[in-house]
Structures are given as structure tokens and as C-alpha cells.
Amino acid sequence: MGFGSYDESEQENQNADTDYDDDDAVSVHENDHDGSVSFDTGATSGELVDRLQDMKDDGDDEP
């Protein structure tokens, strides 16, 4: 079973339109922030480890 013929002449003149204004560009630093995040569950380390083990055990049933 074939996927058709390969014609190199079709590959010669592929031009991508890369002309754009800087106004159209996306700024990856638009939503940067400096700060910190803290999270207090009120649970002990042992309780968290036990909960993690429970979640791992529950995942054993998935294919």
C-alpha cells in the first residue's frame, strides 16, 4: 500500500509568510511577577505521605 508519489518539485518553492508587525507579537513577559507562594494544609508530613500512597494505590486499577 503506497502513499502516492513524491515529487521534489513541489518542495522547492515553499514560502512562509513571516512578515508581521511587532504589535502582533506575543510578549512572554506580559504576566511576569515576583513573589512567593505558601500553602499550609494543616496536615503532618506522615498524613501527607499516607495520602500520597493512597492515591498511588488507587491508580493501580487504571489501564
N, C-alpha and C. Protein backbone atom coordinates (compact mmCIF):
# COMPACT_ATOMS: atom_id res chain seq x y z
N MET A 1 0.85 -1.16 0.00
CA MET A 1 0.00 0.00 0.00
C MET A 1 0.90 1.23 0.00
N GLY A 2 0.69 2.13 -0.94
CA GLY A 2 1.53 3.31 -1.05
C GLY A 2 0.80 4.57 -0.62
N PHE A 3 1.57 5.63 -0.45
CA PHE A 3 1.01 6.91 -0.05
C PHE A 3 1.10 7.93 -1.18
N GLY A 4 1.29 7.48 -2.38
CA GLY A 4 1.38 8.39 -3.51
C GLY A 4 2.83 8.67 -3.86
N SER A 5 3.02 9.33 -4.96
CA SER A 5 4.38 9.61 -5.40
C SER A 5 4.92 10.85 -4.71
N TYR A 6 6.21 10.89 -4.60
CA TYR A 6 6.89 12.04 -4.01
C TYR A 6 7.50 12.86 -5.12
N ASP A 7 7.12 14.10 -5.21
CA ASP A 7 7.62 14.96 -6.27
C ASP A 7 8.41 16.09 -5.63
N GLU A 8 9.74 16.07 -5.82
CA GLU A 8 10.60 17.08 -5.20
C GLU A 8 10.31 18.48 -5.71
N SER A 9 9.77 18.60 -6.91
CA SER A 9 9.49 19.93 -7.46
C SER A 9 8.43 20.65 -6.62
N GLU A 10 7.58 19.91 -5.94
CA GLU A 10 6.57 20.53 -5.08
C GLU A 10 7.20 21.11 -3.82
N GLN A 11 8.39 20.67 -3.48
CA GLN A 11 9.05 21.10 -2.26
C GLN A 11 9.97 22.30 -2.46
N GLU A 12 10.21 22.70 -3.70
CA GLU A 12 11.21 23.72 -3.99
C GLU A 12 10.83 25.12 -3.53
N ASN A 13 9.65 25.55 -3.79
CA ASN A 13 9.29 26.95 -3.57
C ASN A 13 8.22 27.10 -2.49
N GLN A 14 8.50 26.64 -1.32
CA GLN A 14 7.56 26.80 -0.22
C GLN A 14 7.98 28.02 0.58
N ASN A 15 7.19 29.06 0.49
CA ASN A 15 7.48 30.30 1.20
C ASN A 15 6.48 30.49 2.33
N ALA A 16 6.99 30.73 3.51
CA ALA A 16 6.12 31.00 4.65
C ALA A 16 5.99 32.51 4.79
N ASP A 17 4.81 32.97 5.12
CA ASP A 17 4.58 34.39 5.32
C ASP A 17 5.03 34.76 6.74
N THR A 18 6.22 35.30 6.86
CA THR A 18 6.76 35.64 8.18
C THR A 18 6.77 37.14 8.41
N ASP A 19 6.12 37.90 7.55
CA ASP A 19 6.05 39.35 7.74
C ASP A 19 4.96 39.68 8.75
N TYR A 20 5.36 40.26 9.87
CA TYR A 20 4.40 40.70 10.87
C TYR A 20 4.96 41.90 11.60
N ASP A 21 4.07 42.67 12.17
CA ASP A 21 4.46 43.83 12.95
C ASP A 21 4.78 43.40 14.37
N ASP A 22 5.61 44.18 15.04
CA ASP A 22 5.91 43.87 16.44
C ASP A 22 4.66 43.97 17.31
N ASP A 23 3.69 44.75 16.87
CA ASP A 23 2.44 44.87 17.63
C ASP A 23 1.67 43.56 17.65
N ASP A 24 1.90 42.71 16.65
CA ASP A 24 1.20 41.43 16.57
C ASP A 24 1.87 40.35 17.41
N ALA A 25 3.08 40.61 17.88
CA ALA A 25 3.85 39.60 18.61
C ALA A 25 3.30 39.42 20.02
N VAL A 26 3.55 38.27 20.58
CA VAL A 26 3.13 37.95 21.93
C VAL A 26 4.30 38.20 22.87
N SER A 27 4.04 38.89 23.94
CA SER A 27 5.07 39.13 24.95
C SER A 27 5.01 38.03 26.00
N VAL A 28 6.07 37.25 26.11
CA VAL A 28 6.08 36.17 27.09
C VAL A 28 6.27 36.69 28.50
N HIS A 29 6.63 37.96 28.64
CA HIS A 29 6.87 38.53 29.96
C HIS A 29 5.71 39.43 30.41
N GLU A 30 4.61 39.38 29.68
CA GLU A 30 3.48 40.24 29.99
C GLU A 30 2.92 40.00 31.39
N ASN A 31 2.93 38.75 31.84
CA ASN A 31 2.33 38.43 33.13
C ASN A 31 3.36 37.95 34.15
N ASP A 32 4.60 38.37 34.01
CA ASP A 32 5.63 38.01 34.99
C ASP A 32 5.33 38.69 36.33
N HIS A 33 5.73 38.02 37.39
CA HIS A 33 5.60 38.63 38.71
C HIS A 33 6.70 38.10 39.61
N ASP A 34 7.04 38.88 40.58
CA ASP A 34 7.98 38.45 41.61
C ASP A 34 7.19 38.26 42.89
N GLY A 35 7.35 37.13 43.49
CA GLY A 35 6.61 36.88 44.72
C GLY A 35 6.85 35.48 45.20
N SER A 36 6.07 35.10 46.17
CA SER A 36 6.20 33.76 46.72
C SER A 36 4.82 33.18 46.96
N VAL A 37 4.78 31.88 47.05
CA VAL A 37 3.53 31.17 47.30
C VAL A 37 3.75 30.25 48.48
N SER A 38 2.81 30.25 49.38
CA SER A 38 2.89 29.31 50.51
C SER A 38 1.54 28.62 50.63
N PHE A 39 1.61 27.39 51.11
CA PHE A 39 0.40 26.59 51.22
C PHE A 39 0.48 25.78 52.49
N ASP A 40 -0.48 25.96 53.37
CA ASP A 40 -0.49 25.25 54.64
C ASP A 40 -1.73 24.36 54.70
N THR A 41 -1.51 23.04 54.69
CA THR A 41 -2.63 22.11 54.70
C THR A 41 -3.12 21.81 56.10
N GLY A 42 -2.27 22.04 57.08
CA GLY A 42 -2.62 21.68 58.44
C GLY A 42 -2.39 20.20 58.72
N ALA A 43 -1.88 19.47 57.70
CA ALA A 43 -1.62 18.04 57.86
C ALA A 43 -0.14 17.83 58.17
N THR A 44 0.14 16.74 58.86
CA THR A 44 1.53 16.41 59.14
C THR A 44 2.15 15.75 57.93
N SER A 45 3.46 15.67 57.92
CA SER A 45 4.16 15.02 56.81
C SER A 45 3.72 13.57 56.67
N GLY A 46 3.54 12.88 57.78
CA GLY A 46 3.10 11.49 57.76
C GLY A 46 1.73 11.34 57.12
N GLU A 47 0.82 12.26 57.44
CA GLU A 47 -0.52 12.21 56.86
C GLU A 47 -0.46 12.45 55.35
N LEU A 48 0.41 13.36 54.93
CA LEU A 48 0.54 13.63 53.51
C LEU A 48 1.14 12.44 52.77
N VAL A 49 2.12 11.78 53.38
CA VAL A 49 2.73 10.60 52.76
C VAL A 49 1.70 9.48 52.66
N ASP A 50 0.91 9.30 53.69
CA ASP A 50 -0.14 8.27 53.66
C ASP A 50 -1.16 8.58 52.55
N ARG A 51 -1.52 9.84 52.41
CA ARG A 51 -2.49 10.21 51.37
C ARG A 51 -1.91 9.98 49.98
N LEU A 52 -0.63 10.30 49.82
CA LEU A 52 0.04 10.05 48.54
C LEU A 52 0.04 8.56 48.22
N GLN A 53 0.32 7.74 49.20
CA GLN A 53 0.32 6.29 48.97
C GLN A 53 -1.07 5.80 48.60
N ASP A 54 -2.10 6.37 49.24
CA ASP A 54 -3.49 6.01 48.90
C ASP A 54 -3.79 6.35 47.45
N MET A 55 -3.33 7.54 47.00
CA MET A 55 -3.58 7.94 45.61
C MET A 55 -2.83 7.03 44.65
N LYS A 56 -1.60 6.65 44.98
CA LYS A 56 -0.84 5.73 44.13
C LYS A 56 -1.54 4.38 44.06
N ASP A 57 -2.03 3.90 45.17
CA ASP A 57 -2.73 2.60 45.20
C ASP A 57 -4.01 2.65 44.38
N ASP A 58 -4.72 3.77 44.42
CA ASP A 58 -5.96 3.93 43.63
C ASP A 58 -5.67 3.94 42.15
N GLY A 59 -4.49 4.41 41.74
CA GLY A 59 -4.12 4.50 40.34
C GLY A 59 -3.73 3.16 39.75
N ASP A 60 -3.50 2.14 40.56
CA ASP A 60 -3.09 0.83 40.06
C ASP A 60 -4.20 0.16 39.26
N ASP A 61 -5.45 0.56 39.46
CA ASP A 61 -6.57 -0.07 38.76
C ASP A 61 -6.71 0.42 37.33
N GLU A 62 -6.06 1.55 36.98
CA GLU A 62 -6.20 2.11 35.64
C GLU A 62 -5.38 1.32 34.63
N PRO A 63 -5.86 1.26 33.37
CA PRO A 63 -5.13 0.50 32.34
C PRO A 63 -3.86 1.18 31.92
